[in-house]
């Protein structure tokens, strides 16, 4: 028996990141914020965002979100990396 899991919408993940990162009291990194904001309007990593792809938005977010830390951040980043085809 094969089970398939569908990826969560990027907008849902963005909401979770925003809530978790904001709760830490450090503020969202200025370089990651535009990409997090863009993720709010994306459903799938395959969706376009103006001239960029959803995948590039996710990759830019990950590259600029190094200060987003903790167990939840680690799990969410792993989810995003899996969606982007990274290990």
PDB file of N, CA and C in Angstrom:
ATOM      1  N   UNK A   1       0.840  -1.181   0.000  1.00  0.00           N
ATOM      2  CA  UNK A   1       0.000   0.000   0.000  1.00  0.00           C
ATOM      3  C   UNK A   1       0.887   1.245   0.000  1.00  0.00           C
ATOM      4  N   UNK A   2       0.606   2.157  -0.904  1.00  0.00           N
ATOM      5  CA  UNK A   2       1.388   3.379  -1.022  1.00  0.00           C
ATOM      6  C   UNK A   2       0.573   4.546  -0.484  1.00  0.00           C
ATOM      7  N   UNK A   3       1.204   5.320   0.363  1.00  0.00           N
ATOM      8  CA  UNK A   3       0.543   6.520   0.856  1.00  0.00           C
ATOM      9  C   UNK A   3       1.293   7.725   0.333  1.00  0.00           C
ATOM     10  N   UNK A   4       0.542   8.732  -0.020  1.00  0.00           N
ATOM     11  CA  UNK A   4       1.162   9.963  -0.482  1.00  0.00           C
ATOM     12  C   UNK A   4       0.789  11.076   0.476  1.00  0.00           C
ATOM     13  N   UNK A   5       1.720  11.936   0.697  1.00  0.00           N
ATOM     14  CA  UNK A   5       1.442  13.099   1.529  1.00  0.00           C
ATOM     15  C   UNK A   5       1.604  14.326   0.655  1.00  0.00           C
ATOM     16  N   UNK A   6       0.708  15.228   0.808  1.00  0.00           N
ATOM     17  CA  UNK A   6       0.814  16.448   0.022  1.00  0.00           C
ATOM     18  C   UNK A   6       1.517  17.504   0.859  1.00  0.00           C
ATOM     19  N   UNK A   7       2.258  18.338   0.185  1.00  0.00           N
ATOM     20  CA  UNK A   7       2.975  19.405   0.860  1.00  0.00           C
ATOM     21  C   UNK A   7       1.984  20.451   1.352  1.00  0.00           C
ATOM     22  N   UNK A   8       2.300  21.020   2.486  1.00  0.00           N
ATOM     23  CA  UNK A   8       1.453  22.099   3.005  1.00  0.00           C
ATOM     24  C   UNK A   8       1.620  23.331   2.123  1.00  0.00           C
ATOM     25  N   UNK A   9       0.592  24.142   2.031  1.00  0.00           N
ATOM     26  CA  UNK A   9       0.724  25.390   1.263  1.00  0.00           C
ATOM     27  C   UNK A   9       1.809  26.287   1.857  1.00  0.00           C
ATOM     28  N   UNK A  10       2.565  26.951   1.005  1.00  0.00           N
ATOM     29  CA  UNK A  10       3.614  27.847   1.491  1.00  0.00           C
ATOM     30  C   UNK A  10       3.047  28.968   2.341  1.00  0.00           C
ATOM     31  N   UNK A  11       1.841  29.415   2.032  1.00  0.00           N
ATOM     32  CA  UNK A  11       1.238  30.478   2.836  1.00  0.00           C
ATOM     33  C   UNK A  11       0.998  30.011   4.271  1.00  0.00           C
ATOM     34  N   UNK A  12       0.637  28.752   4.450  1.00  0.00           N
ATOM     35  CA  UNK A  12       0.445  28.183   5.792  1.00  0.00           C
ATOM     36  C   UNK A  12       1.776  28.103   6.531  1.00  0.00           C
ATOM     37  N   UNK A  13       2.805  27.655   5.818  1.00  0.00           N
ATOM     38  CA  UNK A  13       4.136  27.569   6.417  1.00  0.00           C
ATOM     39  C   UNK A  13       4.637  28.965   6.787  1.00  0.00           C
ATOM     40  N   UNK A  14       4.397  29.937   5.921  1.00  0.00           N
ATOM     41  CA  UNK A  14       4.819  31.318   6.202  1.00  0.00           C
ATOM     42  C   UNK A  14       4.146  31.852   7.466  1.00  0.00           C
ATOM     43  N   UNK A  15       2.867  31.549   7.637  1.00  0.00           N
ATOM     44  CA  UNK A  15       2.153  31.982   8.849  1.00  0.00           C
ATOM     45  C   UNK A  15       2.772  31.363  10.094  1.00  0.00           C
ATOM     46  N   UNK A  16       3.120  30.092   9.994  1.00  0.00           N
ATOM     47  CA  UNK A  16       3.737  29.401  11.131  1.00  0.00           C
ATOM     48  C   UNK A  16       5.109  29.988  11.450  1.00  0.00           C
ATOM     49  N   UNK A  17       5.895  30.269  10.414  1.00  0.00           N
ATOM     50  CA  UNK A  17       7.213  30.883  10.616  1.00  0.00           C
ATOM     51  C   UNK A  17       7.061  32.252  11.265  1.00  0.00           C
ATOM     52  N   UNK A  18       6.155  33.055  10.719  1.00  0.00           N
ATOM     53  CA  UNK A  18       5.956  34.410  11.237  1.00  0.00           C
ATOM     54  C   UNK A  18       5.589  34.378  12.722  1.00  0.00           C
ATOM     55  N   UNK A  19       4.653  33.514  13.083  1.00  0.00           N
ATOM     56  CA  UNK A  19       4.215  33.424  14.481  1.00  0.00           C
ATOM     57  C   UNK A  19       5.351  32.949  15.386  1.00  0.00           C
ATOM     58  N   UNK A  20       6.071  31.922  14.947  1.00  0.00           N
ATOM     59  CA  UNK A  20       7.142  31.369  15.769  1.00  0.00           C
ATOM     60  C   UNK A  20       8.307  32.342  15.897  1.00  0.00           C
ATOM     61  N   UNK A  21       8.727  32.923  14.789  1.00  0.00           N
ATOM     62  CA  UNK A  21       9.871  33.832  14.809  1.00  0.00           C
ATOM     63  C   UNK A  21       9.537  35.095  15.608  1.00  0.00           C
ATOM     64  N   UNK A  22       8.330  35.607  15.452  1.00  0.00           N
ATOM     65  CA  UNK A  22       7.913  36.804  16.190  1.00  0.00           C
ATOM     66  C   UNK A  22       7.843  36.538  17.685  1.00  0.00           C
ATOM     67  N   UNK A  23       7.432  35.329  18.055  1.00  0.00           N
ATOM     68  CA  UNK A  23       7.294  34.974  19.467  1.00  0.00           C
ATOM     69  C   UNK A  23       8.649  34.912  20.177  1.00  0.00           C
ATOM     70  N   UNK A  24       9.715  34.757  19.420  1.00  0.00           N
ATOM     71  CA  UNK A  24      11.047  34.676  20.017  1.00  0.00           C
ATOM     72  C   UNK A  24      11.541  36.047  20.477  1.00  0.00           C
ATOM     73  N   UNK A  25      10.862  37.121  20.047  1.00  0.00           N
ATOM     74  CA  UNK A  25      11.182  38.458  20.503  1.00  0.00           C
ATOM     75  C   UNK A  25      12.384  39.114  19.838  1.00  0.00           C
ATOM     76  N   UNK A  26      12.984  38.456  18.854  1.00  0.00           N
ATOM     77  CA  UNK A  26      14.157  39.023  18.192  1.00  0.00           C
ATOM     78  C   UNK A  26      13.795  39.829  16.954  1.00  0.00           C
ATOM     79  N   UNK A  27      12.614  39.617  16.438  1.00  0.00           N
ATOM     80  CA  UNK A  27      12.228  40.249  15.184  1.00  0.00           C
ATOM     81  C   UNK A  27      12.719  39.428  14.006  1.00  0.00           C
ATOM     82  N   UNK A  28      12.002  39.514  12.924  1.00  0.00           N
ATOM     83  CA  UNK A  28      12.340  38.752  11.721  1.00  0.00           C
ATOM     84  C   UNK A  28      13.487  39.450  10.999  1.00  0.00           C
ATOM     85  N   UNK A  29      14.463  38.674  10.598  1.00  0.00           N
ATOM     86  CA  UNK A  29      15.634  39.207   9.910  1.00  0.00           C
ATOM     87  C   UNK A  29      15.196  40.023   8.699  1.00  0.00           C
ATOM     88  N   UNK A  30      15.765  41.212   8.563  1.00  0.00           N
ATOM     89  CA  UNK A  30      15.377  42.131   7.479  1.00  0.00           C
ATOM     90  C   UNK A  30      15.617  41.532   6.097  1.00  0.00           C
ATOM     91  N   UNK A  31      16.632  40.683   5.959  1.00  0.00           N
ATOM     92  CA  UNK A  31      16.940  40.103   4.650  1.00  0.00           C
ATOM     93  C   UNK A  31      16.006  38.941   4.310  1.00  0.00           C
ATOM     94  N   UNK A  32      15.471  38.271   5.318  1.00  0.00           N
ATOM     95  CA  UNK A  32      14.553  37.144   5.098  1.00  0.00           C
ATOM     96  C   UNK A  32      13.112  37.614   4.945  1.00  0.00           C
ATOM     97  N   UNK A  33      12.781  38.769   5.507  1.00  0.00           N
ATOM     98  CA  UNK A  33      11.392  39.238   5.540  1.00  0.00           C
ATOM     99  C   UNK A  33      10.736  39.367   4.161  1.00  0.00           C
ATOM    100  N   UNK A  34      11.396  39.930   3.134  1.00  0.00           N
ATOM    101  CA  UNK A  34      10.718  40.029   1.836  1.00  0.00           C
ATOM    102  C   UNK A  34      10.339  38.656   1.258  1.00  0.00           C
ATOM    103  N   UNK A  35      11.171  37.666   1.509  1.00  0.00           N
ATOM    104  CA  UNK A  35      10.889  36.323   1.001  1.00  0.00           C
ATOM    105  C   UNK A  35       9.805  35.638   1.814  1.00  0.00           C
ATOM    106  N   UNK A  36       9.796  35.893   3.121  1.00  0.00           N
ATOM    107  CA  UNK A  36       8.709  35.382   3.957  1.00  0.00           C
ATOM    108  C   UNK A  36       7.396  36.026   3.526  1.00  0.00           C
ATOM    109  N   UNK A  37       7.409  37.328   3.286  1.00  0.00           N
ATOM    110  CA  UNK A  37       6.207  38.026   2.818  1.00  0.00           C
ATOM    111  C   UNK A  37       5.724  37.449   1.483  1.00  0.00           C
ATOM    112  N   UNK A  38       6.645  37.146   0.586  1.00  0.00           N
ATOM    113  CA  UNK A  38       6.282  36.571  -0.714  1.00  0.00           C
ATOM    114  C   UNK A  38       5.646  35.198  -0.538  1.00  0.00           C
ATOM    115  N   UNK A  39       6.141  34.429   0.422  1.00  0.00           N
ATOM    116  CA  UNK A  39       5.605  33.086   0.649  1.00  0.00           C
ATOM    117  C   UNK A  39       4.133  33.120   1.069  1.00  0.00           C
ATOM    118  N   UNK A  40       3.686  34.227   1.668  1.00  0.00           N
ATOM    119  CA  UNK A  40       2.278  34.353   2.061  1.00  0.00           C
ATOM    120  C   UNK A  40       1.345  34.278   0.854  1.00  0.00           C
ATOM    121  N   UNK A  41       1.834  34.639  -0.321  1.00  0.00           N
ATOM    122  CA  UNK A  41       0.976  34.641  -1.513  1.00  0.00           C
ATOM    123  C   UNK A  41       1.143  33.388  -2.368  1.00  0.00           C
ATOM    124  N   UNK A  42       1.943  32.434  -1.888  1.00  0.00           N
ATOM    125  CA  UNK A  42       2.192  31.216  -2.657  1.00  0.00           C
ATOM    126  C   UNK A  42       1.487  30.014  -2.043  1.00  0.00           C
ATOM    127  N   UNK A  43       0.969  29.182  -2.898  1.00  0.00           N
ATOM    128  CA  UNK A  43       0.371  27.930  -2.446  1.00  0.00           C
ATOM    129  C   UNK A  43       1.392  26.809  -2.549  1.00  0.00           C
ATOM    130  N   UNK A  44       2.060  26.753  -3.690  1.00  0.00           N
ATOM    131  CA  UNK A  44       2.985  25.669  -4.002  1.00  0.00           C
ATOM    132  C   UNK A  44       4.355  26.222  -4.350  1.00  0.00           C
ATOM    133  N   UNK A  45       5.349  25.397  -4.203  1.00  0.00           N
ATOM    134  CA  UNK A  45       6.699  25.787  -4.590  1.00  0.00           C
ATOM    135  C   UNK A  45       6.809  25.961  -6.107  1.00  0.00           C
ATOM    136  N   UNK A  46       5.830  25.444  -6.825  1.00  0.00           N
ATOM    137  CA  UNK A  46       5.808  25.564  -8.289  1.00  0.00           C
ATOM    138  C   UNK A  46       5.103  26.831  -8.769  1.00  0.00           C
ATOM    139  N   UNK A  47       4.505  27.587  -7.866  1.00  0.00           N
ATOM    140  CA  UNK A  47       3.815  28.823  -8.227  1.00  0.00           C
ATOM    141  C   UNK A  47       4.822  29.923  -8.568  1.00  0.00           C
ATOM    142  N   UNK A  48       4.504  30.767  -9.536  1.00  0.00           N
ATOM    143  CA  UNK A  48       5.385  31.905  -9.821  1.00  0.00           C
ATOM    144  C   UNK A  48       5.109  33.048  -8.848  1.00  0.00           C
ATOM    145  N   UNK A  49       6.130  33.826  -8.598  1.00  0.00           N
ATOM    146  CA  UNK A  49       5.994  35.060  -7.825  1.00  0.00           C
ATOM    147  C   UNK A  49       6.639  36.157  -8.665  1.00  0.00           C
ATOM    148  N   UNK A  50       5.820  36.864  -9.402  1.00  0.00           N
ATOM    149  CA  UNK A  50       6.282  37.835 -10.391  1.00  0.00           C
ATOM    150  C   UNK A  50       7.286  37.140 -11.305  1.00  0.00           C
ATOM    151  N   UNK A  51       8.532  37.628 -11.392  1.00  0.00           N
ATOM    152  CA  UNK A  51       9.515  37.024 -12.307  1.00  0.00           C
ATOM    153  C   UNK A  51      10.265  35.854 -11.668  1.00  0.00           C
ATOM    154  N   UNK A  52      10.025  35.602 -10.385  1.00  0.00           N
ATOM    155  CA  UNK A  52      10.711  34.522  -9.676  1.00  0.00           C
ATOM    156  C   UNK A  52       9.822  33.293  -9.564  1.00  0.00           C
ATOM    157  N   UNK A  53      10.450  32.178  -9.306  1.00  0.00           N
ATOM    158  CA  UNK A  53       9.693  30.952  -9.049  1.00  0.00           C
ATOM    159  C   UNK A  53       9.490  30.809  -7.545  1.00  0.00           C
ATOM    160  N   UNK A  54       8.504  30.030  -7.172  1.00  0.00           N
ATOM    161  CA  UNK A  54       8.292  29.739  -5.760  1.00  0.00           C
ATOM    162  C   UNK A  54       9.517  29.087  -5.145  1.00  0.00           C
ATOM    163  N   UNK A  55      10.160  28.235  -5.930  1.00  0.00           N
ATOM    164  CA  UNK A  55      11.365  27.556  -5.436  1.00  0.00           C
ATOM    165  C   UNK A  55      12.453  28.567  -5.115  1.00  0.00           C
ATOM    166  N   UNK A  56      12.662  29.555  -5.980  1.00  0.00           N
ATOM    167  CA  UNK A  56      13.707  30.545  -5.711  1.00  0.00           C
ATOM    168  C   UNK A  56      13.367  31.380  -4.480  1.00  0.00           C
ATOM    169  N   UNK A  57      12.088  31.691  -4.287  1.00  0.00           N
ATOM    170  CA  UNK A  57      11.675  32.435  -3.090  1.00  0.00           C
ATOM    171  C   UNK A  57      12.028  31.638  -1.841  1.00  0.00           C
ATOM    172  N   UNK A  58      11.706  30.344  -1.844  1.00  0.00           N
ATOM    173  CA  UNK A  58      12.006  29.477  -0.696  1.00  0.00           C
ATOM    174  C   UNK A  58      13.515  29.397  -0.468  1.00  0.00           C
ATOM    175  N   UNK A  59      14.279  29.232  -1.534  1.00  0.00           N
ATOM    176  CA  UNK A  59      15.731  29.139  -1.387  1.00  0.00           C
ATOM    177  C   UNK A  59      16.334  30.443  -0.874  1.00  0.00           C
ATOM    178  N   UNK A  60      15.855  31.574  -1.367  1.00  0.00           N
ATOM    179  CA  UNK A  60      16.329  32.869  -0.864  1.00  0.00           C
ATOM    180  C   UNK A  60      15.948  33.040   0.606  1.00  0.00           C
ATOM    181  N   UNK A  61      14.745  32.615   0.965  1.00  0.00           N
ATOM    182  CA  UNK A  61      14.347  32.694   2.368  1.00  0.00           C
ATOM    183  C   UNK A  61      15.309  31.878   3.229  1.00  0.00           C
ATOM    184  N   UNK A  62      15.547  30.632   2.836  1.00  0.00           N
ATOM    185  CA  UNK A  62      16.428  29.770   3.616  1.00  0.00           C
ATOM    186  C   UNK A  62      17.835  30.358   3.745  1.00  0.00           C
ATOM    187  N   UNK A  63      18.319  30.957   2.684  1.00  0.00           N
ATOM    188  CA  UNK A  63      19.655  31.550   2.713  1.00  0.00           C
ATOM    189  C   UNK A  63      19.744  32.741   3.662  1.00  0.00           C
ATOM    190  N   UNK A  64      18.623  33.431   3.865  1.00  0.00           N
ATOM    191  CA  UNK A  64      18.622  34.633   4.698  1.00  0.00           C
ATOM    192  C   UNK A  64      18.017  34.424   6.081  1.00  0.00           C
ATOM    193  N   UNK A  65      17.598  33.211   6.384  1.00  0.00           N
ATOM    194  CA  UNK A  65      16.914  32.947   7.657  1.00  0.00           C
ATOM    195  C   UNK A  65      17.793  32.189   8.643  1.00  0.00           C
ATOM    196  N   UNK A  66      19.067  32.423   8.596  1.00  0.00           N
ATOM    197  CA  UNK A  66      19.975  31.698   9.501  1.00  0.00           C
ATOM    198  C   UNK A  66      19.754  32.046  10.960  1.00  0.00           C
ATOM    199  N   UNK A  67      19.215  33.225  11.244  1.00  0.00           N
ATOM    200  CA  UNK A  67      18.974  33.604  12.636  1.00  0.00           C
ATOM    201  C   UNK A  67      17.654  33.038  13.167  1.00  0.00           C
ATOM    202  N   UNK A  68      16.892  32.384  12.310  1.00  0.00           N
ATOM    203  CA  UNK A  68      15.662  31.700  12.737  1.00  0.00           C
ATOM    204  C   UNK A  68      16.076  30.322  13.234  1.00  0.00           C
ATOM    205  N   UNK A  69      16.067  30.147  14.550  1.00  0.00           N
ATOM    206  CA  UNK A  69      16.591  28.931  15.157  1.00  0.00           C
ATOM    207  C   UNK A  69      15.582  28.313  16.126  1.00  0.00           C
ATOM    208  N   UNK A  70      15.914  27.130  16.562  1.00  0.00           N
ATOM    209  CA  UNK A  70      15.089  26.404  17.513  1.00  0.00           C
ATOM    210  C   UNK A  70      14.541  25.138  16.881  1.00  0.00           C
ATOM    211  N   UNK A  71      13.932  24.282  17.691  1.00  0.00           N
ATOM    212  CA  UNK A  71      13.431  23.003  17.179  1.00  0.00           C
ATOM    213  C   UNK A  71      12.366  23.153  16.095  1.00  0.00           C
ATOM    214  N   UNK A  72      11.437  24.096  16.293  1.00  0.00           N
ATOM    215  CA  UNK A  72      10.388  24.315  15.294  1.00  0.00           C
ATOM    216  C   UNK A  72      10.993  24.858  14.004  1.00  0.00           C
ATOM    217  N   UNK A  73      11.932  25.783  14.132  1.00  0.00           N
ATOM    218  CA  UNK A  73      12.604  26.351  12.957  1.00  0.00           C
ATOM    219  C   UNK A  73      13.337  25.262  12.189  1.00  0.00           C
ATOM    220  N   UNK A  74      13.991  24.380  12.911  1.00  0.00           N
ATOM    221  CA  UNK A  74      14.722  23.286  12.259  1.00  0.00           C
ATOM    222  C   UNK A  74      13.774  22.391  11.472  1.00  0.00           C
ATOM    223  N   UNK A  75      12.622  22.080  12.057  1.00  0.00           N
ATOM    224  CA  UNK A  75      11.640  21.226  11.381  1.00  0.00           C
ATOM    225  C   UNK A  75      11.055  21.919  10.149  1.00  0.00           C
ATOM    226  N   UNK A  76      10.740  23.192  10.282  1.00  0.00           N
ATOM    227  CA  UNK A  76      10.164  23.934   9.158  1.00  0.00           C
ATOM    228  C   UNK A  76      11.182  24.086   8.035  1.00  0.00           C
ATOM    229  N   UNK A  77      12.421  24.395   8.375  1.00  0.00           N
ATOM    230  CA  UNK A  77      13.462  24.522   7.359  1.00  0.00           C
ATOM    231  C   UNK A  77      13.679  23.194   6.641  1.00  0.00           C
ATOM    232  N   UNK A  78      13.629  22.092   7.378  1.00  0.00           N
ATOM    233  CA  UNK A  78      13.770  20.770   6.754  1.00  0.00           C
ATOM    234  C   UNK A  78      12.617  20.514   5.786  1.00  0.00           C
ATOM    235  N   UNK A  79      11.408  20.922   6.168  1.00  0.00           N
ATOM    236  CA  UNK A  79      10.236  20.778   5.300  1.00  0.00           C
ATOM    237  C   UNK A  79      10.416  21.591   4.025  1.00  0.00           C
ATOM    238  N   UNK A  80      10.878  22.827   4.160  1.00  0.00           N
ATOM    239  CA  UNK A  80      11.099  23.680   2.991  1.00  0.00           C
ATOM    240  C   UNK A  80      12.198  23.127   2.093  1.00  0.00           C
ATOM    241  N   UNK A  81      13.267  22.629   2.702  1.00  0.00           N
ATOM    242  CA  UNK A  81      14.345  22.037   1.909  1.00  0.00           C
ATOM    243  C   UNK A  81      13.858  20.821   1.147  1.00  0.00           C
ATOM    244  N   UNK A  82      13.038  20.005   1.774  1.00  0.00           N
ATOM    245  CA  UNK A  82      12.485  18.826   1.092  1.00  0.00           C
ATOM    246  C   UNK A  82      11.616  19.249  -0.071  1.00  0.00           C
ATOM    247  N   UNK A  83      10.815  20.293   0.114  1.00  0.00           N
ATOM    248  CA  UNK A  83       9.955  20.803  -0.963  1.00  0.00           C
ATOM    249  C   UNK A  83      10.807  21.304  -2.135  1.00  0.00           C
ATOM    250  N   UNK A  84      11.951  21.896  -1.813  1.00  0.00           N
ATOM    251  CA  UNK A  84      12.825  22.456  -2.846  1.00  0.00           C
ATOM    252  C   UNK A  84      13.737  21.409  -3.473  1.00  0.00           C
ATOM    253  N   UNK A  85      13.674  20.201  -2.956  1.00  0.00           N
ATOM    254  CA  UNK A  85      14.500  19.132  -3.511  1.00  0.00           C
ATOM    255  C   UNK A  85      15.909  19.101  -2.967  1.00  0.00           C
ATOM    256  N   UNK A  86      16.117  19.745  -1.817  1.00  0.00           N
ATOM    257  CA  UNK A  86      17.427  19.734  -1.164  1.00  0.00           C
ATOM    258  C   UNK A  86      17.431  18.677  -0.070  1.00  0.00           C
ATOM    259  N   UNK A  87      18.588  18.272   0.356  1.00  0.00           N
ATOM    260  CA  UNK A  87      18.686  17.291   1.446  1.00  0.00           C
ATOM    261  C   UNK A  87      18.851  17.971   2.754  1.00  0.00           C
TER     262      UNK A  87
END
